[in-house]
Amino acid sequence: MKKFKLFDVWGSIILIAGFTVVSLVRLDATFLTGYFIVGGWQVISMLVHAINGWFCERGSKRYNYHCIVAITIVVTLSGFAIYPLLFIFVPLLFVAPFMAIWYCCLCYEEVYVKMQRPLSLLK
């Protein structure tokens, strides 16, 4: 689990930073590609965590994040079926980067705070 978590947190950090820099340099639609790649990476990570039950206890930060993402996905998919709900795409354009950073912070906290041995916290 620890290797996956390290790969996950540093993969997210590298993807977010990399697409931010590339988007600012190129000033084109690269940021949309970044949305889908970073979002896909994090959705796969969420599924792995949910399947394995890692840090997903009811009431935990990760559990709350998963609930928010599930609601967002349901509202977004219903936007395709119910025309007035298409407005959700505009706020998502601005909220998605903050959600990606929030998820990255959750992963970082799990690796570098929650998974530390008790004696290593006594430094």
PDB file of N, CA and C in Angstrom:
ATOM      1  N   MET A   1       0.829  -1.194   0.000  1.00  0.00           N
ATOM      2  CA  MET A   1       0.000   0.000   0.000  1.00  0.00           C
ATOM      3  C   MET A   1       0.871   1.254   0.000  1.00  0.00           C
ATOM      4  N   LYS A   2       1.951   1.237   0.782  1.00  0.00           N
ATOM      5  CA  LYS A   2       2.771   2.444   0.894  1.00  0.00           C
ATOM      6  C   LYS A   2       3.381   2.833  -0.459  1.00  0.00           C
ATOM      7  N   LYS A   3       3.839   1.852  -1.228  1.00  0.00           N
ATOM      8  CA  LYS A   3       4.417   2.162  -2.542  1.00  0.00           C
ATOM      9  C   LYS A   3       3.370   2.775  -3.463  1.00  0.00           C
ATOM     10  N   PHE A   4       2.164   2.206  -3.447  1.00  0.00           N
ATOM     11  CA  PHE A   4       1.091   2.768  -4.278  1.00  0.00           C
ATOM     12  C   PHE A   4       0.782   4.196  -3.853  1.00  0.00           C
ATOM     13  N   LYS A   5       0.701   4.434  -2.535  1.00  0.00           N
ATOM     14  CA  LYS A   5       0.368   5.763  -2.029  1.00  0.00           C
ATOM     15  C   LYS A   5       1.446   6.777  -2.409  1.00  0.00           C
ATOM     16  N   LEU A   6       2.721   6.385  -2.304  1.00  0.00           N
ATOM     17  CA  LEU A   6       3.808   7.293  -2.692  1.00  0.00           C
ATOM     18  C   LEU A   6       3.744   7.604  -4.184  1.00  0.00           C
ATOM     19  N   PHE A   7       3.552   6.567  -4.987  1.00  0.00           N
ATOM     20  CA  PHE A   7       3.429   6.747  -6.441  1.00  0.00           C
ATOM     21  C   PHE A   7       2.233   7.642  -6.766  1.00  0.00           C
ATOM     22  N   ASP A   8       1.147   7.450  -6.049  1.00  0.00           N
ATOM     23  CA  ASP A   8      -0.076   8.207  -6.271  1.00  0.00           C
ATOM     24  C   ASP A   8       0.120   9.685  -5.951  1.00  0.00           C
ATOM     25  N   VAL A   9       0.654   9.983  -4.765  1.00  0.00           N
ATOM     26  CA  VAL A   9       0.787  11.383  -4.362  1.00  0.00           C
ATOM     27  C   VAL A   9       1.797  12.112  -5.240  1.00  0.00           C
ATOM     28  N   TRP A  10       2.940  11.498  -5.510  1.00  0.00           N
ATOM     29  CA  TRP A  10       3.935  12.183  -6.340  1.00  0.00           C
ATOM     30  C   TRP A  10       3.536  12.214  -7.810  1.00  0.00           C
ATOM     31  N   GLY A  11       2.795  11.211  -8.266  1.00  0.00           N
ATOM     32  CA  GLY A  11       2.256  11.261  -9.626  1.00  0.00           C
ATOM     33  C   GLY A  11       1.284  12.415  -9.791  1.00  0.00           C
ATOM     34  N   SER A  12       0.418  12.620  -8.795  1.00  0.00           N
ATOM     35  CA  SER A  12      -0.530  13.745  -8.839  1.00  0.00           C
ATOM     36  C   SER A  12       0.196  15.083  -8.828  1.00  0.00           C
ATOM     37  N   ILE A  13       1.190  15.200  -7.954  1.00  0.00           N
ATOM     38  CA  ILE A  13       1.937  16.452  -7.862  1.00  0.00           C
ATOM     39  C   ILE A  13       2.626  16.765  -9.189  1.00  0.00           C
ATOM     40  N   ILE A  14       3.276  15.760  -9.765  1.00  0.00           N
ATOM     41  CA  ILE A  14       3.988  15.966 -11.039  1.00  0.00           C
ATOM     42  C   ILE A  14       3.015  16.299 -12.164  1.00  0.00           C
ATOM     43  N   LEU A  15       1.887  15.585 -12.239  1.00  0.00           N
ATOM     44  CA  LEU A  15       0.913  15.871 -13.296  1.00  0.00           C
ATOM     45  C   LEU A  15       0.315  17.269 -13.160  1.00  0.00           C
ATOM     46  N   ILE A  16      -0.079  17.651 -11.955  1.00  0.00           N
ATOM     47  CA  ILE A  16      -0.680  18.972 -11.750  1.00  0.00           C
ATOM     48  C   ILE A  16       0.335  20.064 -12.080  1.00  0.00           C
ATOM     49  N   ALA A  17       1.545  19.946 -11.542  1.00  0.00           N
ATOM     50  CA  ALA A  17       2.575  20.963 -11.804  1.00  0.00           C
ATOM     51  C   ALA A  17       2.955  20.985 -13.282  1.00  0.00           C
ATOM     52  N   GLY A  18       3.124  19.813 -13.866  1.00  0.00           N
ATOM     53  CA  GLY A  18       3.519  19.743 -15.276  1.00  0.00           C
ATOM     54  C   GLY A  18       2.490  20.358 -16.207  1.00  0.00           C
ATOM     55  N   PHE A  19       1.222  20.008 -16.028  1.00  0.00           N
ATOM     56  CA  PHE A  19       0.200  20.571 -16.907  1.00  0.00           C
ATOM     57  C   PHE A  19      -0.019  22.058 -16.647  1.00  0.00           C
ATOM     58  N   THR A  20       0.206  22.504 -15.405  1.00  0.00           N
ATOM     59  CA  THR A  20       0.099  23.933 -15.128  1.00  0.00           C
ATOM     60  C   THR A  20       1.169  24.699 -15.894  1.00  0.00           C
ATOM     61  N   VAL A  21       2.399  24.225 -15.825  1.00  0.00           N
ATOM     62  CA  VAL A  21       3.505  24.901 -16.519  1.00  0.00           C
ATOM     63  C   VAL A  21       3.306  24.861 -18.032  1.00  0.00           C
ATOM     64  N   VAL A  22       2.994  23.692 -18.561  1.00  0.00           N
ATOM     65  CA  VAL A  22       2.811  23.559 -20.013  1.00  0.00           C
ATOM     66  C   VAL A  22       1.655  24.445 -20.491  1.00  0.00           C
ATOM     67  N   SER A  23       0.581  24.503 -19.729  1.00  0.00           N
ATOM     68  CA  SER A  23      -0.567  25.327 -20.116  1.00  0.00           C
ATOM     69  C   SER A  23      -0.218  26.808 -20.119  1.00  0.00           C
ATOM     70  N   LEU A  24       0.576  27.236 -19.141  1.00  0.00           N
ATOM     71  CA  LEU A  24       0.967  28.646 -19.083  1.00  0.00           C
ATOM     72  C   LEU A  24       1.969  29.009 -20.180  1.00  0.00           C
ATOM     73  N   VAL A  25       2.801  28.057 -20.575  1.00  0.00           N
ATOM     74  CA  VAL A  25       3.769  28.313 -21.634  1.00  0.00           C
ATOM     75  C   VAL A  25       3.096  28.319 -23.000  1.00  0.00           C
ATOM     76  N   ARG A  26       2.246  27.337 -23.254  1.00  0.00           N
ATOM     77  CA  ARG A  26       1.645  27.207 -24.584  1.00  0.00           C
ATOM     78  C   ARG A  26       0.440  28.108 -24.794  1.00  0.00           C
ATOM     79  N   LEU A  27      -0.277  28.431 -23.723  1.00  0.00           N
ATOM     80  CA  LEU A  27      -1.476  29.282 -23.794  1.00  0.00           C
ATOM     81  C   LEU A  27      -2.486  28.791 -24.832  1.00  0.00           C
ATOM     82  N   ASP A  28      -2.735  27.495 -24.805  1.00  0.00           N
ATOM     83  CA  ASP A  28      -3.749  26.927 -25.698  1.00  0.00           C
ATOM     84  C   ASP A  28      -4.649  26.003 -24.875  1.00  0.00           C
ATOM     85  N   ALA A  29      -5.246  25.041 -25.510  1.00  0.00           N
ATOM     86  CA  ALA A  29      -6.202  24.160 -24.829  1.00  0.00           C
ATOM     87  C   ALA A  29      -5.532  22.986 -24.117  1.00  0.00           C
ATOM     88  N   THR A  30      -4.240  23.084 -23.861  1.00  0.00           N
ATOM     89  CA  THR A  30      -3.535  22.016 -23.154  1.00  0.00           C
ATOM     90  C   THR A  30      -4.126  21.787 -21.769  1.00  0.00           C
ATOM     91  N   PHE A  31      -4.642  22.849 -21.155  1.00  0.00           N
ATOM     92  CA  PHE A  31      -5.202  22.690 -19.811  1.00  0.00           C
ATOM     93  C   PHE A  31      -6.387  21.731 -19.804  1.00  0.00           C
ATOM     94  N   LEU A  32      -7.138  21.662 -20.912  1.00  0.00           N
ATOM     95  CA  LEU A  32      -8.253  20.709 -20.975  1.00  0.00           C
ATOM     96  C   LEU A  32      -7.743  19.270 -20.983  1.00  0.00           C
ATOM     97  N   THR A  33      -6.665  19.043 -21.695  1.00  0.00           N
ATOM     98  CA  THR A  33      -6.044  17.717 -21.680  1.00  0.00           C
ATOM     99  C   THR A  33      -5.600  17.383 -20.262  1.00  0.00           C
ATOM    100  N   GLY A  34      -5.023  18.362 -19.586  1.00  0.00           N
ATOM    101  CA  GLY A  34      -4.602  18.183 -18.203  1.00  0.00           C
ATOM    102  C   GLY A  34      -5.762  17.857 -17.285  1.00  0.00           C
ATOM    103  N   TYR A  35      -6.915  18.510 -17.516  1.00  0.00           N
ATOM    104  CA  TYR A  35      -8.114  18.221 -16.710  1.00  0.00           C
ATOM    105  C   TYR A  35      -8.444  16.740 -16.770  1.00  0.00           C
ATOM    106  N   PHE A  36      -8.461  16.205 -17.982  1.00  0.00           N
ATOM    107  CA  PHE A  36      -8.867  14.818 -18.158  1.00  0.00           C
ATOM    108  C   PHE A  36      -7.809  13.834 -17.659  1.00  0.00           C
ATOM    109  N   ILE A  37      -6.548  14.138 -17.873  1.00  0.00           N
ATOM    110  CA  ILE A  37      -5.492  13.224 -17.431  1.00  0.00           C
ATOM    111  C   ILE A  37      -5.384  13.219 -15.908  1.00  0.00           C
ATOM    112  N   VAL A  38      -5.324  14.397 -15.297  1.00  0.00           N
ATOM    113  CA  VAL A  38      -5.246  14.472 -13.829  1.00  0.00           C
ATOM    114  C   VAL A  38      -6.521  13.909 -13.207  1.00  0.00           C
ATOM    115  N   GLY A  39      -7.660  14.269 -13.759  1.00  0.00           N
ATOM    116  CA  GLY A  39      -8.932  13.754 -13.239  1.00  0.00           C
ATOM    117  C   GLY A  39      -9.032  12.252 -13.368  1.00  0.00           C
ATOM    118  N   GLY A  40      -8.618  11.708 -14.495  1.00  0.00           N
ATOM    119  CA  GLY A  40      -8.630  10.260 -14.687  1.00  0.00           C
ATOM    120  C   GLY A  40      -7.701   9.557 -13.707  1.00  0.00           C
ATOM    121  N   TRP A  41      -6.517  10.120 -13.528  1.00  0.00           N
ATOM    122  CA  TRP A  41      -5.548   9.574 -12.574  1.00  0.00           C
ATOM    123  C   TRP A  41      -6.174   9.511 -11.180  1.00  0.00           C
ATOM    124  N   GLN A  42      -6.830  10.599 -10.776  1.00  0.00           N
ATOM    125  CA  GLN A  42      -7.385  10.665  -9.431  1.00  0.00           C
ATOM    126  C   GLN A  42      -8.635   9.810  -9.270  1.00  0.00           C
ATOM    127  N   VAL A  43      -9.427   9.660 -10.304  1.00  0.00           N
ATOM    128  CA  VAL A  43     -10.597   8.774 -10.222  1.00  0.00           C
ATOM    129  C   VAL A  43     -10.142   7.322 -10.086  1.00  0.00           C
ATOM    130  N   ILE A  44      -9.123   6.928 -10.834  1.00  0.00           N
ATOM    131  CA  ILE A  44      -8.587   5.569 -10.703  1.00  0.00           C
ATOM    132  C   ILE A  44      -8.044   5.364  -9.292  1.00  0.00           C
ATOM    133  N   SER A  45      -7.341   6.358  -8.774  1.00  0.00           N
ATOM    134  CA  SER A  45      -6.817   6.276  -7.415  1.00  0.00           C
ATOM    135  C   SER A  45      -7.949   6.149  -6.394  1.00  0.00           C
ATOM    136  N   MET A  46      -9.014   6.917  -6.588  1.00  0.00           N
ATOM    137  CA  MET A  46     -10.167   6.833  -5.685  1.00  0.00           C
ATOM    138  C   MET A  46     -10.784   5.443  -5.719  1.00  0.00           C
ATOM    139  N   LEU A  47     -10.902   4.860  -6.905  1.00  0.00           N
ATOM    140  CA  LEU A  47     -11.465   3.515  -7.024  1.00  0.00           C
ATOM    141  C   LEU A  47     -10.591   2.482  -6.320  1.00  0.00           C
ATOM    142  N   VAL A  48      -9.275   2.595  -6.476  1.00  0.00           N
ATOM    143  CA  VAL A  48      -8.362   1.669  -5.803  1.00  0.00           C
ATOM    144  C   VAL A  48      -8.509   1.799  -4.289  1.00  0.00           C
ATOM    145  N   HIS A  49      -8.598   3.033  -3.801  1.00  0.00           N
ATOM    146  CA  HIS A  49      -8.772   3.242  -2.359  1.00  0.00           C
ATOM    147  C   HIS A  49     -10.108   2.667  -1.872  1.00  0.00           C
ATOM    148  N   ALA A  50     -11.157   2.891  -2.631  1.00  0.00           N
ATOM    149  CA  ALA A  50     -12.479   2.403  -2.227  1.00  0.00           C
ATOM    150  C   ALA A  50     -12.534   0.878  -2.235  1.00  0.00           C
ATOM    151  N   ILE A  51     -11.968   0.256  -3.258  1.00  0.00           N
ATOM    152  CA  ILE A  51     -11.975  -1.205  -3.355  1.00  0.00           C
ATOM    153  C   ILE A  51     -11.182  -1.832  -2.215  1.00  0.00           C
ATOM    154  N   ASN A  52     -10.041  -1.238  -1.883  1.00  0.00           N
ATOM    155  CA  ASN A  52      -9.190  -1.787  -0.822  1.00  0.00           C
ATOM    156  C   ASN A  52      -9.561  -1.296   0.575  1.00  0.00           C
ATOM    157  N   GLY A  53     -10.439  -0.300   0.655  1.00  0.00           N
ATOM    158  CA  GLY A  53     -10.865   0.221   1.953  1.00  0.00           C
ATOM    159  C   GLY A  53      -9.805   1.028   2.681  1.00  0.00           C
ATOM    160  N   TRP A  54      -8.883   1.628   1.932  1.00  0.00           N
ATOM    161  CA  TRP A  54      -7.816   2.417   2.537  1.00  0.00           C
ATOM    162  C   TRP A  54      -8.329   3.802   2.913  1.00  0.00           C
ATOM    163  N   PHE A  55      -8.315   4.141   4.191  1.00  0.00           N
ATOM    164  CA  PHE A  55      -8.675   5.464   4.708  1.00  0.00           C
ATOM    165  C   PHE A  55     -10.084   5.902   4.309  1.00  0.00           C
ATOM    166  N   CYS A  56     -10.982   4.959   4.074  1.00  0.00           N
ATOM    167  CA  CYS A  56     -12.331   5.273   3.600  1.00  0.00           C
ATOM    168  C   CYS A  56     -13.393   5.076   4.676  1.00  0.00           C
ATOM    169  N   GLU A  57     -13.020   5.197   5.934  1.00  0.00           N
ATOM    170  CA  GLU A  57     -13.999   5.025   6.998  1.00  0.00           C
ATOM    171  C   GLU A  57     -15.048   6.125   6.910  1.00  0.00           C
ATOM    172  N   ARG A  58     -16.248   5.787   7.278  1.00  0.00           N
ATOM    173  CA  ARG A  58     -17.353   6.757   7.253  1.00  0.00           C
ATOM    174  C   ARG A  58     -16.987   7.963   8.132  1.00  0.00           C
ATOM    175  N   GLY A  59     -17.125   9.147   7.575  1.00  0.00           N
ATOM    176  CA  GLY A  59     -16.811  10.372   8.294  1.00  0.00           C
ATOM    177  C   GLY A  59     -15.389  10.858   8.103  1.00  0.00           C
ATOM    178  N   SER A  60     -14.536  10.079   7.435  1.00  0.00           N
ATOM    179  CA  SER A  60     -13.157  10.512   7.198  1.00  0.00           C
ATOM    180  C   SER A  60     -13.126  11.549   6.072  1.00  0.00           C
ATOM    181  N   LYS A  61     -12.016  12.234   5.958  1.00  0.00           N
ATOM    182  CA  LYS A  61     -11.871  13.246   4.901  1.00  0.00           C
ATOM    183  C   LYS A  61     -12.007  12.610   3.521  1.00  0.00           C
ATOM    184  N   ARG A  62     -11.399  11.441   3.346  1.00  0.00           N
ATOM    185  CA  ARG A  62     -11.472  10.766   2.043  1.00  0.00           C
ATOM    186  C   ARG A  62     -12.905  10.340   1.735  1.00  0.00           C
ATOM    187  N   TYR A  63     -13.614   9.830   2.728  1.00  0.00           N
ATOM    188  CA  TYR A  63     -15.010   9.429   2.534  1.00  0.00           C
ATOM    189  C   TYR A  63     -15.850  10.636   2.098  1.00  0.00           C
ATOM    190  N   ASN A  64     -15.664  11.758   2.758  1.00  0.00           N
ATOM    191  CA  ASN A  64     -16.401  12.970   2.391  1.00  0.00           C
ATOM    192  C   ASN A  64     -16.050  13.422   0.982  1.00  0.00           C
ATOM    193  N   TYR A  65     -14.771  13.341   0.631  1.00  0.00           N
ATOM    194  CA  TYR A  65     -14.352  13.705  -0.726  1.00  0.00           C
ATOM    195  C   TYR A  65     -14.998  12.780  -1.754  1.00  0.00           C
ATOM    196  N   HIS A  66     -15.006  11.489  -1.480  1.00  0.00           N
ATOM    197  CA  HIS A  66     -15.631  10.520  -2.393  1.00  0.00           C
ATOM    198  C   HIS A  66     -17.116  10.847  -2.587  1.00  0.00           C
ATOM    199  N   CYS A  67     -17.810  11.230  -1.508  1.00  0.00           N
ATOM    200  CA  CYS A  67     -19.234  11.584  -1.606  1.00  0.00           C
ATOM    201  C   CYS A  67     -19.427  12.815  -2.488  1.00  0.00           C
ATOM    202  N   ILE A  68     -18.583  13.814  -2.313  1.00  0.00           N
ATOM    203  CA  ILE A  68     -18.683  15.035  -3.124  1.00  0.00           C
ATOM    204  C   ILE A  68     -18.445  14.715  -4.593  1.00  0.00           C
ATOM    205  N   VAL A  69     -17.453  13.888  -4.878  1.00  0.00           N
ATOM    206  CA  VAL A  69     -17.166  13.512  -6.270  1.00  0.00           C
ATOM    207  C   VAL A  69     -18.311  12.692  -6.855  1.00  0.00           C
ATOM    208  N   ALA A  70     -18.883  11.789  -6.078  1.00  0.00           N
ATOM    209  CA  ALA A  70     -20.014  10.984  -6.567  1.00  0.00           C
ATOM    210  C   ALA A  70     -21.208  11.873  -6.905  1.00  0.00           C
ATOM    211  N   ILE A  71     -21.501  12.830  -6.048  1.00  0.00           N
ATOM    212  CA  ILE A  71     -22.600  13.768  -6.321  1.00  0.00           C
ATOM    213  C   ILE A  71     -22.309  14.577  -7.573  1.00  0.00           C
ATOM    214  N   THR A  72     -21.080  15.033  -7.702  1.00  0.00           N
ATOM    215  CA  THR A  72     -20.687  15.818  -8.882  1.00  0.00           C
ATOM    216  C   THR A  72     -20.840  15.001 -10.157  1.00  0.00           C
ATOM    217  N   ILE A  73     -20.434  13.731 -10.122  1.00  0.00           N
ATOM    218  CA  ILE A  73     -20.553  12.870 -11.305  1.00  0.00           C
ATOM    219  C   ILE A  73     -22.018  12.644 -11.664  1.00  0.00           C
ATOM    220  N   VAL A  74     -22.856  12.403 -10.671  1.00  0.00           N
ATOM    221  CA  VAL A  74     -24.287  12.178 -10.929  1.00  0.00           C
ATOM    222  C   VAL A  74     -24.927  13.429 -11.533  1.00  0.00           C
ATOM    223  N   VAL A  75     -24.632  14.596 -10.974  1.00  0.00           N
ATOM    224  CA  VAL A  75     -25.199  15.849 -11.495  1.00  0.00           C
ATOM    225  C   VAL A  75     -24.681  16.115 -12.906  1.00  0.00           C
ATOM    226  N   THR A  76     -23.394  15.861 -13.132  1.00  0.00           N
ATOM    227  CA  THR A  76     -22.823  16.080 -14.461  1.00  0.00           C
ATOM    228  C   THR A  76     -23.450  15.152 -15.494  1.00  0.00           C
ATOM    229  N   LEU A  77     -23.578  13.883 -15.158  1.00  0.00           N
ATOM    230  CA  LEU A  77     -24.193  12.938 -16.105  1.00  0.00           C
ATOM    231  C   LEU A  77     -25.660  13.254 -16.342  1.00  0.00           C
ATOM    232  N   SER A  78     -26.358  13.716 -15.315  1.00  0.00           N
ATOM    233  CA  SER A  78     -27.760  14.088 -15.518  1.00  0.00           C
ATOM    234  C   SER A  78     -27.877  15.360 -16.352  1.00  0.00           C
ATOM    235  N   GLY A  79     -26.803  16.158 -16.382  1.00  0.00           N
ATOM    236  CA  GLY A  79     -26.792  17.344 -17.240  1.00  0.00           C
ATOM    237  C   GLY A  79     -26.898  16.996 -18.712  1.00  0.00           C
ATOM    238  N   PHE A  80     -26.416  15.812 -19.081  1.00  0.00           N
ATOM    239  CA  PHE A  80     -26.557  15.373 -20.466  1.00  0.00           C
ATOM    240  C   PHE A  80     -28.005  15.017 -20.789  1.00  0.00           C
ATOM    241  N   ALA A  81     -28.738  14.522 -19.804  1.00  0.00           N
ATOM    242  CA  ALA A  81     -30.111  14.094 -20.024  1.00  0.00           C
ATOM    243  C   ALA A  81     -31.116  15.227 -19.798  1.00  0.00           C
ATOM    244  N   ILE A  82     -30.839  16.070 -18.834  1.00  0.00           N
ATOM    245  CA  ILE A  82     -31.753  17.170 -18.499  1.00  0.00           C
ATOM    246  C   ILE A  82     -31.065  18.478 -18.868  1.00  0.00           C
ATOM    247  N   TYR A  83     -31.516  19.074 -19.925  1.00  0.00           N
ATOM    248  CA  TYR A  83     -30.848  20.232 -20.511  1.00  0.00           C
ATOM    249  C   TYR A  83     -30.530  21.362 -19.524  1.00  0.00           C
ATOM    250  N   PRO A  84     -31.449  21.793 -18.637  1.00  0.00           N
ATOM    251  CA  PRO A  84     -31.112  22.909 -17.746  1.00  0.00           C
ATOM    252  C   PRO A  84     -29.945  22.634 -16.788  1.00  0.00           C
ATOM    253  N   LEU A  85     -29.615  21.362 -16.571  1.00  0.00           N
ATOM    254  CA  LEU A  85     -28.513  21.047 -15.669  1.00  0.00           C
ATOM    255  C   LEU A  85     -27.145  21.177 -16.331  1.00  0.00           C
ATOM    256  N   LEU A  86     -27.110  21.546 -17.597  1.00  0.00           N
ATOM    257  CA  LEU A  86     -25.832  21.725 -18.278  1.00  0.00           C
ATOM    258  C   LEU A  86     -25.013  22.870 -17.687  1.00  0.00           C
ATOM    259  N   PHE A  87     -25.653  23.728 -16.880  1.00  0.00           N
ATOM    260  CA  PHE A  87     -24.933  24.830 -16.254  1.00  0.00           C
ATOM    261  C   PHE A  87     -23.795  24.332 -15.360  1.00  0.00           C
ATOM    262  N   ILE A  88     -23.851  23.082 -14.932  1.00  0.00           N
ATOM    263  CA  ILE A  88     -22.844  22.534 -14.023  1.00  0.00           C
ATOM    264  C   ILE A  88     -21.455  22.533 -14.653  1.00  0.00           C
ATOM    265  N   PHE A  89     -21.361  22.522 -15.977  1.00  0.00           N
ATOM    266  CA  PHE A  89     -20.060  22.460 -16.632  1.00  0.00           C
ATOM    267  C   PHE A  89     -19.249  23.737 -16.437  1.00  0.00           C
ATOM    268  N   VAL A  90     -19.902  24.869 -16.335  1.00  0.00           N
ATOM    269  CA  VAL A  90     -19.183  26.131 -16.140  1.00  0.00           C
ATOM    270  C   VAL A  90     -18.532  26.186 -14.761  1.00  0.00           C
ATOM    271  N   PRO A  91     -19.266  25.933 -13.668  1.00  0.00           N
ATOM    272  CA  PRO A  91     -18.585  25.937 -12.362  1.00  0.00           C
ATOM    273  C   PRO A  91     -17.512  24.852 -12.245  1.00  0.00           C
ATOM    274  N   LEU A  92     -17.742  23.701 -12.876  1.00  0.00           N
ATOM    275  CA  LEU A  92     -16.744  22.630 -12.797  1.00  0.00           C
ATOM    276  C   LEU A  92     -15.417  23.040 -13.409  1.00  0.00           C
ATOM    277  N   LEU A  93     -15.457  23.892 -14.416  1.00  0.00           N
ATOM    278  CA  LEU A  93     -14.237  24.368 -15.052  1.00  0.00           C
ATOM    279  C   LEU A  93     -13.351  25.091 -14.049  1.00  0.00           C
ATOM    280  N   PHE A  94     -13.968  25.789 -13.106  1.00  0.00           N
ATOM    281  CA  PHE A  94     -13.209  26.546 -12.113  1.00  0.00           C
ATOM    282  C   PHE A  94     -12.955  25.750 -10.833  1.00  0.00           C
ATOM    283  N   VAL A  95     -13.840  24.831 -10.500  1.00  0.00           N
ATOM    284  CA  VAL A  95     -13.728  24.069  -9.252  1.00  0.00           C
ATOM    285  C   VAL A  95     -12.781  22.878  -9.399  1.00  0.00           C
ATOM    286  N   ALA A  96     -12.700  22.296 -10.566  1.00  0.00           N
ATOM    287  CA  ALA A  96     -11.902  21.080 -10.770  1.00  0.00           C
ATOM    288  C   ALA A  96     -10.437  21.221 -10.347  1.00  0.00           C
ATOM    289  N   PRO A  97      -9.754  22.306 -10.666  1.00  0.00           N
ATOM    290  CA  PRO A  97      -8.357  22.412 -10.212  1.00  0.00           C
ATOM    291  C   PRO A  97      -8.229  22.412  -8.684  1.00  0.00           C
ATOM    292  N   PHE A  98      -9.167  23.047  -7.997  1.00  0.00           N
ATOM    293  CA  PHE A  98      -9.117  23.066  -6.533  1.00  0.00           C
ATOM    294  C   PHE A  98      -9.416  21.691  -5.953  1.00  0.00           C
ATOM    295  N   MET A  99     -10.320  20.967  -6.599  1.00  0.00           N
ATOM    296  CA  MET A  99     -10.616  19.604  -6.139  1.00  0.00           C
ATOM    297  C   MET A  99      -9.403  18.693  -6.354  1.00  0.00           C
ATOM    298  N   ALA A 100      -8.688  18.886  -7.464  1.00  0.00           N
ATOM    299  CA  ALA A 100      -7.493  18.079  -7.722  1.00  0.00           C
ATOM    300  C   ALA A 100      -6.417  18.360  -6.674  1.00  0.00           C
ATOM    301  N   ILE A 101      -6.245  19.622  -6.324  1.00  0.00           N
ATOM    302  CA  ILE A 101      -5.263  19.975  -5.295  1.00  0.00           C
ATOM    303  C   ILE A 101      -5.703  19.437  -3.938  1.00  0.00           C
ATOM    304  N   TRP A 102      -7.002  19.530  -3.646  1.00  0.00           N
ATOM    305  CA  TRP A 102      -7.537  19.000  -2.392  1.00  0.00           C
ATOM    306  C   TRP A 102      -7.258  17.498  -2.298  1.00  0.00           C
ATOM    307  N   TYR A 103      -7.506  16.772  -3.391  1.00  0.00           N
ATOM    308  CA  TYR A 103      -7.261  15.335  -3.392  1.00  0.00           C
ATOM    309  C   TYR A 103      -5.779  15.035  -3.194  1.00  0.00           C
ATOM    310  N   CYS A 104      -4.943  15.805  -3.834  1.00  0.00           N
ATOM    311  CA  CYS A 104      -3.505  15.629  -3.689  1.00  0.00           C
ATOM    312  C   CYS A 104      -3.082  15.862  -2.236  1.00  0.00           C
ATOM    313  N   CYS A 105      -3.657  16.853  -1.595  1.00  0.00           N
ATOM    314  CA  CYS A 105      -3.372  17.121  -0.178  1.00  0.00           C
ATOM    315  C   CYS A 105      -3.846  15.978   0.714  1.00  0.00           C
ATOM    316  N   LEU A 106      -5.005  15.396   0.394  1.00  0.00           N
ATOM    317  CA  LEU A 106      -5.490  14.228   1.141  1.00  0.00           C
ATOM    318  C   LEU A 106      -4.484  13.081   1.056  1.00  0.00           C
ATOM    319  N   CYS A 107      -4.019  12.809  -0.149  1.00  0.00           N
ATOM    320  CA  CYS A 107      -3.062  11.723  -0.348  1.00  0.00           C
ATOM    321  C   CYS A 107      -1.752  12.008   0.389  1.00  0.00           C
ATOM    322  N   TYR A 108      -1.293  13.251   0.298  1.00  0.00           N
ATOM    323  CA  TYR A 108      -0.054  13.635   0.969  1.00  0.00           C
ATOM    324  C   TYR A 108      -0.180  13.442   2.476  1.00  0.00           C
ATOM    325  N   GLU A 109      -1.300  13.869   3.040  1.00  0.00           N
ATOM    326  CA  GLU A 109      -1.536  13.717   4.480  1.00  0.00           C
ATOM    327  C   GLU A 109      -1.564  12.242   4.884  1.00  0.00           C
ATOM    328  N   GLU A 110      -2.186  11.419   4.069  1.00  0.00           N
ATOM    329  CA  GLU A 110      -2.255   9.995   4.383  1.00  0.00           C
ATOM    330  C   GLU A 110      -0.870   9.345   4.394  1.00  0.00           C
ATOM    331  N   VAL A 111      -0.024   9.747   3.449  1.00  0.00           N
ATOM    332  CA  VAL A 111       1.305   9.151   3.351  1.00  0.00           C
ATOM    333  C   VAL A 111       2.241   9.693   4.428  1.00  0.00           C
ATOM    334  N   TYR A 112       2.280  10.989   4.588  1.00  0.00           N
ATOM    335  CA  TYR A 112       3.302  11.595   5.432  1.00  0.00           C
ATOM    336  C   TYR A 112       2.841  11.934   6.850  1.00  0.00           C
ATOM    337  N   VAL A 113       1.561  11.714   7.165  1.00  0.00           N
ATOM    338  CA  VAL A 113       1.096  11.932   8.532  1.00  0.00           C
ATOM    339  C   VAL A 113       0.494  10.651   9.092  1.00  0.00           C
ATOM    340  N   LYS A 114      -0.516  10.122   8.436  1.00  0.00           N
ATOM    341  CA  LYS A 114      -1.237   8.975   8.984  1.00  0.00           C
ATOM    342  C   LYS A 114      -0.447   7.673   8.942  1.00  0.00           C
ATOM    343  N   MET A 115       0.422   7.510   7.960  1.00  0.00           N
ATOM    344  CA  MET A 115       1.139   6.247   7.815  1.00  0.00           C
ATOM    345  C   MET A 115       2.496   6.243   8.525  1.00  0.00           C
ATOM    346  N   GLN A 116       2.836   7.290   9.243  1.00  0.00           N
ATOM    347  CA  GLN A 116       4.105   7.340   9.966  1.00  0.00           C
ATOM    348  C   GLN A 116       4.041   6.452  11.195  1.00  0.00           C
ATOM    349  N   ARG A 117       5.147   5.868  11.529  1.00  0.00           N
ATOM    350  CA  ARG A 117       5.225   5.061  12.745  1.00  0.00           C
ATOM    351  C   ARG A 117       5.170   5.991  13.943  1.00  0.00           C
ATOM    352  N   PRO A 118       4.565   5.547  15.024  1.00  0.00           N
ATOM    353  CA  PRO A 118       4.467   6.399  16.213  1.00  0.00           C
ATOM    354  C   PRO A 118       5.811   6.913  16.726  1.00  0.00           C
ATOM    355  N   LEU A 119       6.864   6.093  16.706  1.00  0.00           N
ATOM    356  CA  LEU A 119       8.154   6.540  17.211  1.00  0.00           C
ATOM    357  C   LEU A 119       8.786   7.615  16.321  1.00  0.00           C
ATOM    358  N   SER A 120       8.485   7.593  15.044  1.00  0.00           N
ATOM    359  CA  SER A 120       9.045   8.611  14.163  1.00  0.00           C
ATOM    360  C   SER A 120       8.389   9.966  14.371  1.00  0.00           C
ATOM    361  N   LEU A 121       7.238   9.984  15.025  1.00  0.00           N
ATOM    362  CA  LEU A 121       6.562  11.250  15.316  1.00  0.00           C
ATOM    363  C   LEU A 121       7.109  11.911  16.574  1.00  0.00           C
ATOM    364  N   LEU A 122       7.972  11.210  17.327  1.00  0.00           N
ATOM    365  CA  LEU A 122       8.500  11.734  18.584  1.00  0.00           C
ATOM    366  C   LEU A 122       9.786  12.537  18.430  1.00  0.00           C
ATOM    367  N   LYS A 123      10.240  12.775  17.237  1.00  0.00           N
ATOM    368  CA  LYS A 123      11.513  13.474  16.981  1.00  0.00           C
ATOM    369  C   LYS A 123      11.682  14.714  17.770  1.00  0.00           C
TER     370      LYS A 123
END
